[in-house]
Amino acid sequence: MIVPFKDLSEEAKIWIYPSSRKFYPQEVEPIKNKIEDFLNSWIADKEAEVAFTLLYNRFIVFSVEEGVVISNQDLDKQVMFILELQKEYEIELLDKMNVCFKQGEFVQYKEVKEFKKLLKNKSVNSKTVVFDNLVQTKYDFDNFWEVPITESWYNRFL
């Protein structure tokens, strides 16, 4: 059953899918509806607490309460759903190694090679906020997803 994202425990599992571009305003509601439809049929256990959030109109975040057994088949279904969204909206969602970071109020999405050039040219610096899309729990998401480069694994590029 779908529950509010904020209601899940800190131990809930997280999957983050960063979009290669911001979702257009007219895409947001249809994407949310597709995600809800997917989540309602995703896991066999209908009592399993699942949630999602769409942040910055760029990140799709799925979460499942700790203790819910996620099979390989469930993970395959999730990836297939994401692949369908990619195709339909002509976006990239599965490349977690690209760097998402803030420039002012905007979220940027760059290949690592481009990001390194930005660092070298001082277009971004150690205080630039990056998104660690590899976090795996809601606690880590709440505390370590959006941090300065120096507090992330990207600090090795400094």
Protein backbone atom coordinates (compact mmCIF):
# COMPACT_ATOMS: atom_id res chain seq x y z
CA MET A 1 0.00 0.00 0.00
CA ILE A 2 1.22 3.48 -0.82
CA VAL A 3 1.96 5.62 2.23
CA PRO A 4 3.32 9.16 2.52
CA PHE A 5 7.09 9.18 1.99
CA LYS A 6 7.63 11.09 5.25
CA ASP A 7 5.90 8.32 7.22
CA LEU A 8 8.42 5.60 6.42
CA SER A 9 11.05 4.68 9.00
CA GLU A 10 14.69 5.70 8.78
CA GLU A 11 15.55 2.10 7.86
CA ALA A 12 13.31 2.09 4.77
CA LYS A 13 15.08 1.13 1.55
CA ILE A 14 15.58 3.85 -1.07
CA TRP A 15 16.12 3.90 -4.84
CA ILE A 16 16.86 7.23 -6.51
CA TYR A 17 16.51 7.85 -10.23
CA PRO A 18 17.93 11.21 -11.36
CA SER A 19 16.53 12.55 -14.61
CA SER A 20 18.83 13.93 -17.28
CA ARG A 21 16.50 16.90 -17.51
CA LYS A 22 13.89 18.61 -15.39
CA PHE A 23 10.37 17.27 -15.94
CA TYR A 24 8.18 19.74 -17.78
CA PRO A 25 5.23 21.03 -15.73
CA GLN A 26 2.75 19.15 -17.93
CA GLU A 27 4.66 15.88 -17.32
CA VAL A 28 4.67 15.94 -13.51
CA GLU A 29 1.10 14.75 -12.80
CA PRO A 30 1.11 12.03 -15.48
CA ILE A 31 4.45 10.75 -14.13
CA LYS A 32 3.10 10.73 -10.57
CA ASN A 33 0.02 8.82 -11.77
CA LYS A 34 2.17 6.26 -13.59
CA ILE A 35 4.33 5.79 -10.49
CA GLU A 36 1.26 5.28 -8.28
CA ASP A 37 -0.15 2.72 -10.74
CA PHE A 38 3.19 0.94 -10.78
CA LEU A 39 3.57 0.91 -6.99
CA ASN A 40 0.04 -0.45 -6.54
CA SER A 41 1.00 -3.57 -8.48
CA TRP A 42 4.75 -3.74 -7.84
CA ILE A 43 5.14 -6.02 -4.82
CA ALA A 44 3.07 -9.16 -4.28
CA ASP A 45 2.53 -8.31 -0.60
CA LYS A 46 -0.29 -5.75 -0.85
CA GLU A 47 0.22 -4.78 2.79
CA ALA A 48 3.83 -3.75 2.12
CA GLU A 49 4.36 -0.06 2.76
CA VAL A 50 5.80 1.65 -0.30
CA ALA A 51 6.24 5.32 -1.07
CA PHE A 52 7.64 7.69 -3.62
CA THR A 53 8.50 11.31 -3.97
CA LEU A 54 9.36 13.48 -6.91
CA LEU A 55 11.91 16.12 -5.95
CA TYR A 56 13.09 19.20 -7.83
CA ASN A 57 10.99 17.87 -10.74
CA ARG A 58 14.10 15.84 -11.51
CA PHE A 59 14.48 12.96 -9.02
CA ILE A 60 12.18 9.96 -8.72
CA VAL A 61 12.64 8.33 -5.33
CA PHE A 62 11.08 4.96 -4.45
CA SER A 63 11.05 3.63 -0.92
CA VAL A 64 9.96 0.42 0.75
CA GLU A 65 9.61 -0.05 4.48
CA GLU A 66 12.35 -2.04 6.19
CA GLY A 67 11.47 -5.71 6.53
CA VAL A 68 9.60 -5.94 3.23
CA VAL A 69 11.19 -8.67 1.14
CA ILE A 70 12.13 -7.36 -2.30
CA SER A 71 12.80 -10.17 -4.75
CA ASN A 72 14.99 -9.99 -7.82
CA GLN A 73 11.77 -10.14 -9.82
CA ASP A 74 10.50 -7.05 -7.96
CA LEU A 75 13.74 -5.21 -8.74
CA ASP A 76 13.47 -6.26 -12.39
CA LYS A 77 9.93 -4.86 -12.50
CA GLN A 78 11.19 -1.58 -11.07
CA VAL A 79 13.93 -1.30 -13.69
CA MET A 80 11.50 -2.20 -16.48
CA PHE A 81 9.16 0.54 -15.27
CA ILE A 82 12.01 3.07 -15.23
CA LEU A 83 13.03 1.99 -18.74
CA GLU A 84 9.45 2.62 -19.90
CA LEU A 85 9.53 6.12 -18.40
CA GLN A 86 12.86 6.79 -20.08
CA LYS A 87 11.47 5.83 -23.45
CA GLU A 88 8.17 7.66 -23.08
CA TYR A 89 9.68 10.92 -21.81
CA GLU A 90 12.99 10.73 -23.71
CA ILE A 91 15.09 11.06 -20.58
CA GLU A 92 17.90 9.16 -18.88
CA LEU A 93 17.08 7.83 -15.40
CA LEU A 94 19.41 4.89 -14.87
CA ASP A 95 22.85 6.50 -15.09
CA LYS A 96 23.58 7.09 -11.42
CA MET A 97 27.22 7.95 -12.07
CA ASN A 98 26.44 11.29 -13.65
CA VAL A 99 26.73 14.15 -11.20
CA CYS A 100 23.69 16.10 -10.03
CA PHE A 101 24.50 19.33 -8.24
CA LYS A 102 23.05 22.71 -7.39
CA GLN A 103 24.03 25.91 -9.13
CA GLY A 104 22.08 28.58 -7.33
CA GLU A 105 18.47 27.47 -7.31
CA PHE A 106 18.93 25.13 -10.28
CA VAL A 107 19.84 21.46 -10.31
CA GLN A 108 22.36 20.50 -12.95
CA TYR A 109 23.07 17.06 -14.41
CA LYS A 110 26.52 16.50 -15.93
CA GLU A 111 28.74 13.62 -16.95
CA VAL A 112 31.60 13.07 -14.50
CA LYS A 113 34.11 14.24 -17.12
CA GLU A 114 32.23 17.54 -17.55
CA PHE A 115 31.91 17.94 -13.79
CA LYS A 116 35.67 17.55 -13.35
CA LYS A 117 36.18 20.32 -15.92
CA LEU A 118 33.80 22.56 -13.98
CA LEU A 119 35.85 21.94 -10.84
CA LYS A 120 39.09 22.67 -12.65
CA ASN A 121 37.66 25.90 -14.07
CA LYS A 122 36.31 26.79 -10.60
CA SER A 123 32.73 26.95 -11.91
CA VAL A 124 31.92 24.67 -8.96
CA ASN A 125 33.88 24.37 -5.72
CA SER A 126 34.10 22.46 -2.46
CA LYS A 127 30.95 24.16 -1.16
CA THR A 128 28.85 23.16 -4.16
CA VAL A 129 25.93 20.97 -3.08
CA VAL A 130 25.82 17.57 -4.78
CA PHE A 131 23.25 14.78 -4.66
CA ASP A 132 24.49 11.34 -3.64
CA ASN A 133 22.05 9.14 -5.55
CA LEU A 134 23.68 6.00 -4.18
CA VAL A 135 22.25 6.33 -0.65
CA GLN A 136 20.28 3.24 0.35
CA THR A 137 18.19 4.09 3.41
CA LYS A 138 15.76 6.85 4.23
CA TYR A 139 18.04 7.99 7.05
CA ASP A 140 20.94 8.40 4.64
CA PHE A 141 18.63 10.08 2.15
CA ASP A 142 17.41 12.57 4.77
CA ASN A 143 20.93 13.30 6.04
CA PHE A 144 23.46 12.63 3.29
CA TRP A 145 21.71 12.89 -0.07
CA GLU A 146 22.08 16.65 -0.54
CA VAL A 147 25.49 17.71 0.83
CA PRO A 148 28.53 19.84 -0.01
CA ILE A 149 31.07 18.05 -2.21
CA THR A 150 33.48 17.79 0.73
CA GLU A 151 30.96 15.58 2.58
CA SER A 152 30.26 13.27 -0.35
CA TRP A 153 32.10 10.59 -2.27
CA TYR A 154 32.62 13.20 -5.01
CA ASN A 155 35.25 14.85 -2.77
CA ARG A 156 37.88 12.68 -4.44
CA PHE A 157 37.57 14.98 -7.48
CA LEU A 158 38.71 18.03 -5.49
